[in-house]
Structures are given as structure tokens and as C-alpha cells.
Amino acid sequence: MKPSDENPSAYLENRTLSLLLVAVSLALGWILLPFYGAILWGAIIALLFTPLYRRLLPRVKKQRTLAALVTLLFVLLIVVLPLVLITAALAHEAALLFERLQSGELNPALYFRGVFNALPDWIQSLLDRFGLVNFATLQRRLAAALTQGSQFIATQALSIGQITFEFVASLFIAFYLAFFLIRDGDDVVRAVRQAIPLAPAHKHELFNKFTTVIRATVKGNLLVAAIQGALGGLAFWFLGVGGALLWAVLMAFLSLVPAVGAGLVWLPVAVYFLMNGAIWQGVALIAYGMLVIGLIDNLLRPILVGKDTRMPDYVVMITTLGGMAVFGINGFVLGPAIAAMFIAVWHIYVKTTSSETPSAQP
């Protein structure tokens, strides 16, 4: 009778402990939710720059705190400081664009009218018949959308450029967390591995998949975005397009979307050149966009992202778009990471069930 008396007690204790574990985990996630972006980037900084920390460690006589501080100082100088300077300049250009839209100096509806006038007569008649072209309405909507967009960009960029409290708080949390993850990362990983009730081989596979995808996605996407934005901005500056820095940053941001990103900026500008008689500028920009900017995406992204993650390009693209739709800018990391973990977990599940099936058979 004694085992039967103990089993219900042990079962009840395990169930209670499991419920408490779920409850406190959800409560902690709820508390940390407002800072999930800062926590995410703190972990990403630690993942990306831990190799630098390990190289510095022998040079500072194994002083882990000093090596971690030097690593974070390096990140601050090469990442954060240039970001603040670029966003401050971006705020200035966005404010100028907003003023031009408000004053009527810049009228985007005229661009579409020029495109419409260049269309064949039968297409114009077809569009008119279905009421798809109403330049008065189009002008109001475009002016309102561009005004709001430029005002939003100016406000957000100016906020970062002026070092607002929210930006400083997020930056502090990210760097504070990154410091401890860099310095004590091995202990943290060891503790997490011990807490996961899986076979050692499966835990090793999951951790390797997660770190590989995060590193490949961040390094690959950000590098491709930076190169495409810089090349596009340089072309716009050379062709005399106003606000070259603003367009370069917009191209870099849209380049996070594989395949079509930067083309959403340079292609309409090239069409605008062609519609206004600047033939060589339009042709040159199209050729440059396809052969240089587009080539960077087609060559580097599969090498830097798809090759390391070992995921098909279409999976990377769809999960990047889906991740950004759900999580915002952080989604370009979270989308492919969730997809990679999904594939890894299903791979482990299939291996586990397939190995247990023969033994279950009579």
C-alpha cells in the first residue's frame, strides 16, 4: 500500500510543479515583453561578438570582465555611433522632404500623370473606363501618405539622433545583457542545456541550429542591406537625385526583404527619369540596379544566409516577410530563426519516432 500512497502524492507534486513552472514563465515573459527588442539584440550582440571576446581574452591575461568591456566598446564604436550619426543626418533630410511636400514644391501626383500620359491610348482608355485613374484623388492620397511617412521618419530618426530616454534605456538593457552573456555565456548555455529534457545529441543540434541561423541571418541580411543601400545612394547622388541619404537608408531597409527589396526604390526613380526625357539617366539606373545592386542580392544573400542556415531561398524569403509583418523590424531575425527551429524540431521528432517504431513492433 505504501507505493500506491506515494504515487498519487508524487504525481500531484509533479503536476503542481509543472503548472507553477508554466505560470512563472508566462509571468516573466509578460514582464519582459516591453523590452523584448532590447533583449533580442543583447543576445544577438553576444552571439556575434563572442568570438572577438575569446580572441581578446588571452591578450588581457584572462580577465573576463575587461575583455567583455573592450568587446562592448568595440561594438559601440563601430555600430552604435555610426548609427546615431546616420540617423541624425537622416532626420535632417526627412525634415526637408516634409517641408517640400507641405509647400507643394514636390508633387508626387505629377510623376504618375507623366507615367499615365506615356501609356498607349488603349491602356489610358481602359483605365478611364473602369475609373482607375483619378488624379485629384490620387494627388490627395499620395500627398497625405508621403507627408505622414516623411514626418514619421523625421520624428523617429530625430528621436534616435537626439538620444531620447527610450533609446538610451533600450541601448543600456541590450549592452548590459550582452556584457553578462559575453562574459558568462558558457555558464548560461550550460545551465539552459541542463534544464532542457532532451537527449544530449538533440540539444546540441538545436543549439547549433539556433546560433547558426541567428548569426547567418543578422550578418548576411545586414551586410547585404548595407551594401545595397550604399550602392543605391551613391548612384542617386551621382545622378543628382535629391535626398540621396534618405533613399539609401530606405533601400537598405527594404533590402531586408529578399529578391524585391531595393528595386522598389530605384526602379520607380528610373521610370521617372525615362518619363521626363532623361533617357540616359533612366537606362543607366536600370542597368546599374539590375547588374550591380541586384547582383549583390543574388550572389551574396544565398552565400551568407541560405548556405549557412541550410534553408531554401523561398523559405528564407517567406519567413522574413512573415516575421517582419508580425514582429516589425526584428522579424527579419525572428522569422528565419523560428522557421529553422521548426525544421530542426520536426527533424528530431521524425528521427525519434522512426527509431522507436521498430522496437514497438512484435
Protein backbone atom coordinates (compact mmCIF):
# COMPACT_ATOMS: atom_id res chain seq x y z
CA MET A 1 0.00 0.00 0.00
CA LYS A 2 2.86 2.36 0.59
CA PRO A 3 3.90 2.75 -3.10
CA SER A 4 0.29 3.33 -4.07
CA ASP A 5 0.05 6.01 -1.40
CA GLU A 6 3.23 7.71 -2.58
CA ASN A 7 2.48 7.63 -6.31
CA PRO A 8 -0.58 9.91 -6.17
CA SER A 9 1.38 12.31 -3.98
CA ALA A 10 4.35 12.32 -6.36
CA TYR A 11 2.05 12.72 -9.36
CA LEU A 12 0.26 15.65 -7.72
CA GLU A 13 3.59 17.25 -6.83
CA ASN A 14 4.88 16.92 -10.38
CA ARG A 15 1.69 18.36 -11.83
CA THR A 16 1.79 21.27 -9.40
CA LEU A 17 5.43 21.94 -10.18
CA SER A 18 4.71 21.87 -13.92
CA LEU A 19 1.83 24.34 -13.54
CA LEU A 20 3.98 26.64 -11.41
CA LEU A 21 6.76 26.45 -13.99
CA VAL A 22 4.38 27.44 -16.80
CA ALA A 23 2.83 30.21 -14.67
CA VAL A 24 6.09 31.84 -13.63
CA SER A 25 7.49 31.51 -17.17
CA LEU A 26 4.46 33.29 -18.63
CA ALA A 27 4.64 35.95 -15.91
CA LEU A 28 8.33 36.57 -16.63
CA GLY A 29 7.64 36.78 -20.38
CA TRP A 30 4.84 39.28 -19.71
CA ILE A 31 7.17 41.44 -17.62
CA LEU A 32 9.96 41.35 -20.21
CA LEU A 33 7.68 41.84 -23.23
CA PRO A 34 8.09 45.66 -23.41
CA PHE A 35 11.86 45.17 -23.75
CA TYR A 36 11.88 42.11 -25.98
CA GLY A 37 13.64 44.04 -28.77
CA ALA A 38 16.45 45.17 -26.46
CA ILE A 39 16.77 41.66 -25.02
CA LEU A 40 16.83 40.15 -28.51
CA TRP A 41 19.59 42.47 -29.70
CA GLY A 42 21.55 41.98 -26.50
CA ALA A 43 21.56 38.25 -27.20
CA ILE A 44 22.45 38.87 -30.85
CA ILE A 45 25.37 41.11 -29.89
CA ALA A 46 26.63 38.38 -27.58
CA LEU A 47 26.32 35.72 -30.30
CA LEU A 48 28.08 37.82 -32.93
CA PHE A 49 30.92 39.19 -30.84
CA THR A 50 31.73 36.30 -28.52
CA PRO A 51 34.48 35.15 -30.96
CA LEU A 52 36.10 38.60 -30.59
CA TYR A 53 35.86 38.28 -26.81
CA ARG A 54 37.61 34.90 -26.92
CA ARG A 55 40.41 36.36 -29.02
CA LEU A 56 40.85 39.25 -26.60
CA LEU A 57 40.84 37.04 -23.52
CA PRO A 58 44.46 35.81 -23.80
CA ARG A 59 45.65 39.35 -24.51
CA VAL A 60 44.23 40.72 -21.25
CA LYS A 61 45.59 37.87 -19.10
CA LYS A 62 42.28 36.00 -18.86
CA GLN A 63 40.47 38.93 -17.23
CA ARG A 64 36.96 38.17 -18.42
CA THR A 65 35.36 41.43 -17.27
CA LEU A 66 37.97 43.56 -19.04
CA ALA A 67 37.72 41.51 -22.23
CA ALA A 68 33.92 41.82 -22.22
CA LEU A 69 34.11 45.59 -21.68
CA VAL A 70 36.60 46.02 -24.52
CA THR A 71 34.34 43.95 -26.78
CA LEU A 72 31.33 46.15 -25.99
CA LEU A 73 33.41 49.30 -26.53
CA PHE A 74 34.29 47.97 -29.97
CA VAL A 75 30.59 47.36 -30.71
CA LEU A 76 29.75 50.87 -29.52
CA LEU A 77 32.33 52.48 -31.81
CA ILE A 78 31.65 50.50 -34.98
CA VAL A 79 27.86 50.02 -34.69
CA VAL A 80 26.07 52.41 -32.35
CA LEU A 81 28.00 55.63 -33.01
CA PRO A 82 27.71 55.41 -36.84
CA LEU A 83 24.02 54.54 -36.45
CA VAL A 84 23.38 57.66 -34.38
CA LEU A 85 25.25 59.88 -36.85
CA ILE A 86 23.42 58.42 -39.86
CA THR A 87 20.01 58.76 -38.25
CA ALA A 88 20.72 62.36 -37.27
CA ALA A 89 21.56 63.16 -40.92
CA LEU A 90 18.52 61.15 -42.00
CA ALA A 91 16.29 63.24 -39.73
CA HIS A 92 17.54 66.40 -41.44
CA GLU A 93 16.82 65.08 -44.94
CA ALA A 94 13.41 63.73 -43.94
CA ALA A 95 12.51 67.12 -42.45
CA LEU A 96 13.49 68.83 -45.72
CA LEU A 97 11.35 66.37 -47.69
CA PHE A 98 8.42 67.07 -45.38
CA GLU A 99 8.80 70.82 -45.94
CA ARG A 100 8.88 70.37 -49.73
CA LEU A 101 5.70 68.29 -49.60
CA GLN A 102 3.98 70.83 -47.38
CA SER A 103 4.93 73.75 -49.62
CA GLY A 104 3.86 71.96 -52.81
CA GLU A 105 7.36 72.10 -54.28
CA LEU A 106 7.28 68.32 -54.51
CA ASN A 107 4.13 66.95 -56.15
CA PRO A 108 4.16 63.14 -56.49
CA ALA A 109 0.91 63.09 -58.47
CA LEU A 110 2.71 64.79 -61.38
CA TYR A 111 5.01 61.79 -61.61
CA PHE A 112 2.06 59.43 -62.04
CA ARG A 113 0.42 61.80 -64.50
CA GLY A 114 3.56 61.71 -66.61
CA VAL A 115 3.60 57.90 -66.48
CA PHE A 116 -0.10 57.82 -67.41
CA ASN A 117 0.40 60.18 -70.36
CA ALA A 118 3.20 57.97 -71.66
CA LEU A 119 0.96 54.89 -71.74
CA PRO A 120 -0.62 53.77 -75.04
CA ASP A 121 -4.04 55.23 -75.82
CA TRP A 122 -5.86 51.91 -75.43
CA ILE A 123 -4.49 51.44 -71.92
CA GLN A 124 -5.48 55.00 -70.98
CA SER A 125 -9.00 54.40 -72.30
CA LEU A 126 -9.26 51.14 -70.38
CA LEU A 127 -8.15 52.76 -67.13
CA ASP A 128 -10.55 55.66 -67.67
CA ARG A 129 -13.44 53.30 -68.41
CA PHE A 130 -13.03 51.49 -65.10
CA GLY A 131 -12.36 54.70 -63.20
CA LEU A 132 -8.92 53.56 -62.06
CA VAL A 133 -7.27 56.94 -62.66
CA ASN A 134 -8.48 59.97 -60.74
CA PHE A 135 -5.55 62.33 -60.38
CA ALA A 136 -7.29 64.64 -57.96
CA THR A 137 -7.94 61.79 -55.53
CA LEU A 138 -4.54 60.28 -56.25
CA GLN A 139 -2.80 63.55 -55.52
CA ARG A 140 -4.58 63.96 -52.17
CA ARG A 141 -3.85 60.40 -51.09
CA LEU A 142 -0.21 60.44 -52.17
CA ALA A 143 0.42 63.80 -50.59
CA ALA A 144 -1.16 62.67 -47.33
CA ALA A 145 0.73 59.34 -47.33
CA LEU A 146 4.10 60.89 -48.16
CA THR A 147 3.58 63.68 -45.65
CA GLN A 148 2.79 61.22 -42.90
CA GLY A 149 5.65 58.95 -43.93
CA SER A 150 8.26 61.68 -44.08
CA GLN A 151 7.00 63.17 -40.82
CA PHE A 152 7.21 59.75 -39.15
CA ILE A 153 10.74 59.14 -40.48
CA ALA A 154 11.85 62.58 -39.37
CA THR A 155 10.36 62.12 -35.90
CA GLN A 156 11.78 58.64 -35.36
CA ALA A 157 15.19 59.44 -36.76
CA LEU A 158 15.35 62.69 -34.82
CA SER A 159 14.43 60.81 -31.66
CA ILE A 160 17.36 58.45 -32.13
CA GLY A 161 19.64 61.26 -33.25
CA GLN A 162 18.85 63.29 -30.14
CA ILE A 163 19.39 60.25 -27.86
CA THR A 164 15.93 60.01 -26.31
CA PHE A 165 15.30 58.32 -22.99
CA GLU A 166 13.61 55.30 -24.62
CA PHE A 167 16.54 54.77 -26.98
CA VAL A 168 19.06 55.12 -24.14
CA ALA A 169 17.08 52.71 -21.95
CA SER A 170 16.86 50.09 -24.70
CA LEU A 171 20.53 50.53 -25.55
CA PHE A 172 21.50 50.19 -21.89
CA ILE A 173 19.45 47.00 -21.47
CA ALA A 174 20.89 45.49 -24.66
CA PHE A 175 24.50 46.26 -23.70
CA TYR A 176 24.02 45.31 -20.05
CA LEU A 177 22.61 41.93 -21.06
CA ALA A 178 25.24 41.48 -23.77
CA PHE A 179 28.01 42.11 -21.25
CA PHE A 180 26.92 39.25 -19.00
CA LEU A 181 26.13 36.93 -21.90
CA ILE A 182 29.56 37.54 -23.38
CA ARG A 183 31.38 37.16 -20.07
CA ASP A 184 29.32 34.31 -18.62
CA GLY A 185 27.82 32.89 -21.80
CA ASP A 186 29.30 29.41 -21.38
CA ASP A 187 27.74 29.07 -17.90
CA VAL A 188 24.37 30.30 -19.18
CA VAL A 189 24.38 27.87 -22.10
CA ARG A 190 25.38 25.01 -19.80
CA ALA A 191 22.52 25.80 -17.41
CA VAL A 192 19.98 26.03 -20.23
CA ARG A 193 21.15 22.75 -21.70
CA GLN A 194 20.79 21.01 -18.36
CA ALA A 195 17.24 22.35 -17.97
CA ILE A 196 16.04 21.06 -21.37
CA PRO A 197 14.78 17.45 -21.05
CA LEU A 198 16.20 16.17 -24.32
CA ALA A 199 18.96 13.81 -25.34
CA PRO A 200 22.41 15.47 -25.49
CA ALA A 201 22.63 14.96 -29.25
CA HIS A 202 19.27 16.64 -29.78
CA LYS A 203 20.16 19.57 -27.52
CA HIS A 204 23.43 20.00 -29.39
CA GLU A 205 21.58 20.03 -32.72
CA LEU A 206 19.03 22.62 -31.54
CA PHE A 207 21.63 24.97 -30.05
CA ASN A 208 23.87 24.75 -33.11
CA LYS A 209 20.92 25.38 -35.43
CA PHE A 210 19.74 28.37 -33.42
CA THR A 211 23.14 30.08 -33.18
CA THR A 212 23.97 29.39 -36.83
CA VAL A 213 20.69 30.82 -38.10
CA ILE A 214 20.91 33.94 -35.93
CA ARG A 215 24.49 34.67 -36.96
CA ALA A 216 23.89 33.97 -40.65
CA THR A 217 20.65 35.95 -40.77
CA VAL A 218 21.96 39.02 -38.99
CA LYS A 219 25.37 39.15 -40.63
CA GLY A 220 24.09 38.19 -44.07
CA ASN A 221 20.99 40.38 -44.20
CA LEU A 222 22.58 43.42 -42.60
CA LEU A 223 25.67 43.18 -44.78
CA VAL A 224 23.61 42.82 -47.97
CA ALA A 225 21.31 45.67 -46.89
CA ALA A 226 24.22 47.97 -46.08
CA ILE A 227 25.96 47.25 -49.40
CA GLN A 228 22.80 47.68 -51.47
CA GLY A 229 21.83 50.86 -49.64
CA ALA A 230 25.30 52.34 -50.08
CA LEU A 231 25.48 51.44 -53.78
CA GLY A 232 21.98 52.79 -54.41
CA GLY A 233 22.65 56.00 -52.52
CA LEU A 234 25.89 56.50 -54.43
CA ALA A 235 24.04 56.09 -57.75
CA PHE A 236 21.33 58.55 -56.69
CA TRP A 237 23.94 61.09 -55.60
CA PHE A 238 25.78 60.74 -58.91
CA LEU A 239 22.54 61.21 -60.89
CA GLY A 240 21.57 64.26 -58.86
CA VAL A 241 18.56 62.77 -57.08
CA GLY A 242 17.63 64.83 -54.04
CA GLY A 243 17.82 63.25 -50.59
CA ALA A 244 20.30 60.55 -51.62
CA LEU A 245 20.92 59.55 -47.99
CA LEU A 246 17.20 59.17 -47.34
CA TRP A 247 16.78 56.94 -50.38
CA ALA A 248 19.90 54.97 -49.46
CA VAL A 249 18.53 54.22 -45.98
CA LEU A 250 15.14 53.32 -47.47
CA MET A 251 16.83 50.93 -49.93
CA ALA A 252 18.85 49.39 -47.13
CA PHE A 253 15.69 48.86 -45.08
CA LEU A 254 13.75 47.37 -48.00
CA SER A 255 16.75 45.19 -48.87
CA LEU A 256 15.93 43.15 -45.76
CA VAL A 257 13.12 41.74 -47.94
CA PRO A 258 14.83 39.25 -50.28
CA ALA A 259 14.52 39.40 -54.07
CA VAL A 260 12.47 42.60 -54.48
CA GLY A 261 13.69 44.97 -51.76
CA ALA A 262 15.88 47.70 -53.24
CA GLY A 263 14.12 47.55 -56.61
CA LEU A 264 11.07 49.12 -55.00
CA VAL A 265 13.09 52.35 -54.78
CA TRP A 266 15.46 52.54 -57.74
CA LEU A 267 13.05 51.20 -60.38
CA PRO A 268 10.36 53.92 -59.93
CA VAL A 269 13.10 56.56 -59.99
CA ALA A 270 14.45 55.09 -63.23
CA VAL A 271 10.95 55.13 -64.74
CA TYR A 272 10.59 58.75 -63.62
CA PHE A 273 13.79 59.63 -65.49
CA LEU A 274 12.54 57.91 -68.64
CA MET A 275 9.13 59.60 -68.49
CA ASN A 276 10.73 63.02 -68.17
CA GLY A 277 13.11 62.61 -71.12
CA ALA A 278 16.25 61.84 -69.07
CA ILE A 279 16.86 58.73 -71.15
CA TRP A 280 20.49 58.05 -70.33
CA GLN A 281 19.90 58.52 -66.59
CA GLY A 282 16.94 56.12 -66.65
CA VAL A 283 18.73 53.49 -68.72
CA ALA A 284 21.90 53.82 -66.65
CA LEU A 285 19.97 53.45 -63.38
CA ILE A 286 18.09 50.38 -64.64
CA ALA A 287 21.31 48.75 -65.83
CA TYR A 288 23.08 49.66 -62.59
CA GLY A 289 20.19 48.41 -60.48
CA MET A 290 19.94 45.08 -62.27
CA LEU A 291 23.65 44.37 -62.82
CA VAL A 292 25.12 45.81 -59.62
CA ILE A 293 22.52 46.25 -56.87
CA GLY A 294 20.51 43.20 -57.91
CA LEU A 295 23.63 41.10 -58.42
CA ILE A 296 24.71 41.79 -54.84
CA ASP A 297 21.41 40.34 -53.59
CA ASN A 298 21.53 37.33 -55.91
CA LEU A 299 25.14 36.47 -55.14
CA LEU A 300 25.75 37.37 -51.50
CA ARG A 301 22.43 36.55 -49.83
CA PRO A 302 22.35 32.83 -50.76
CA ILE A 303 26.01 32.54 -49.70
CA LEU A 304 25.72 34.43 -46.42
CA VAL A 305 22.18 33.43 -45.39
CA GLY A 306 20.87 30.42 -47.23
CA LYS A 307 24.10 28.42 -47.26
CA ASP A 308 24.72 28.65 -43.51
CA THR A 309 21.10 28.18 -42.48
CA ARG A 310 20.69 25.30 -44.96
CA MET A 311 17.19 26.51 -45.74
CA PRO A 312 15.78 27.03 -49.25
CA ASP A 313 15.73 30.61 -50.50
CA TYR A 314 11.93 30.67 -50.73
CA VAL A 315 11.65 29.63 -47.05
CA VAL A 316 14.03 32.40 -46.03
CA MET A 317 12.09 34.97 -48.07
CA ILE A 318 8.63 33.95 -46.86
CA THR A 319 9.65 33.71 -43.21
CA THR A 320 11.46 37.05 -43.42
CA LEU A 321 8.34 38.74 -44.78
CA GLY A 322 6.11 36.99 -42.28
CA GLY A 323 8.43 37.78 -39.40
CA MET A 324 8.56 41.48 -40.28
CA ALA A 325 4.76 41.56 -40.62
CA VAL A 326 4.36 40.12 -37.12
CA PHE A 327 7.37 41.47 -35.20
CA GLY A 328 8.31 44.58 -37.17
CA ILE A 329 11.97 45.20 -37.96
CA ASN A 330 13.05 42.47 -35.51
CA GLY A 331 11.15 39.97 -37.64
CA PHE A 332 13.92 39.67 -40.22
CA VAL A 333 15.81 37.78 -37.49
CA LEU A 334 12.94 36.08 -35.68
CA GLY A 335 11.17 34.83 -38.82
CA PRO A 336 14.01 32.68 -40.22
CA ALA A 337 15.05 31.66 -36.68
CA ILE A 338 11.57 30.32 -35.90
CA ALA A 339 11.47 28.53 -39.26
CA ALA A 340 14.88 26.94 -38.62
CA MET A 341 13.84 25.77 -35.15
CA PHE A 342 10.59 24.40 -36.63
CA ILE A 343 12.57 22.35 -39.15
CA ALA A 344 15.08 21.20 -36.52
CA VAL A 345 12.41 20.12 -34.01
CA TRP A 346 10.48 18.20 -36.66
CA HIS A 347 13.71 16.56 -37.78
CA ILE A 348 14.40 15.43 -34.22
CA TYR A 349 10.82 14.22 -33.81
CA VAL A 350 10.93 12.17 -37.02
CA LYS A 351 14.27 10.61 -36.04
CA THR A 352 13.00 9.78 -32.56
CA THR A 353 9.72 8.23 -33.69
CA SER A 354 11.37 6.28 -36.51
CA SER A 355 13.92 4.79 -34.09
CA GLU A 356 11.17 3.78 -31.63
CA THR A 357 8.82 2.24 -34.23
CA PRO A 358 10.79 -0.99 -34.92
CA SER A 359 11.11 -1.80 -31.21
CA ALA A 360 7.33 -1.38 -30.76
CA GLN A 361 6.58 -3.95 -33.43
CA PRO A 362 6.06 -7.63 -32.31
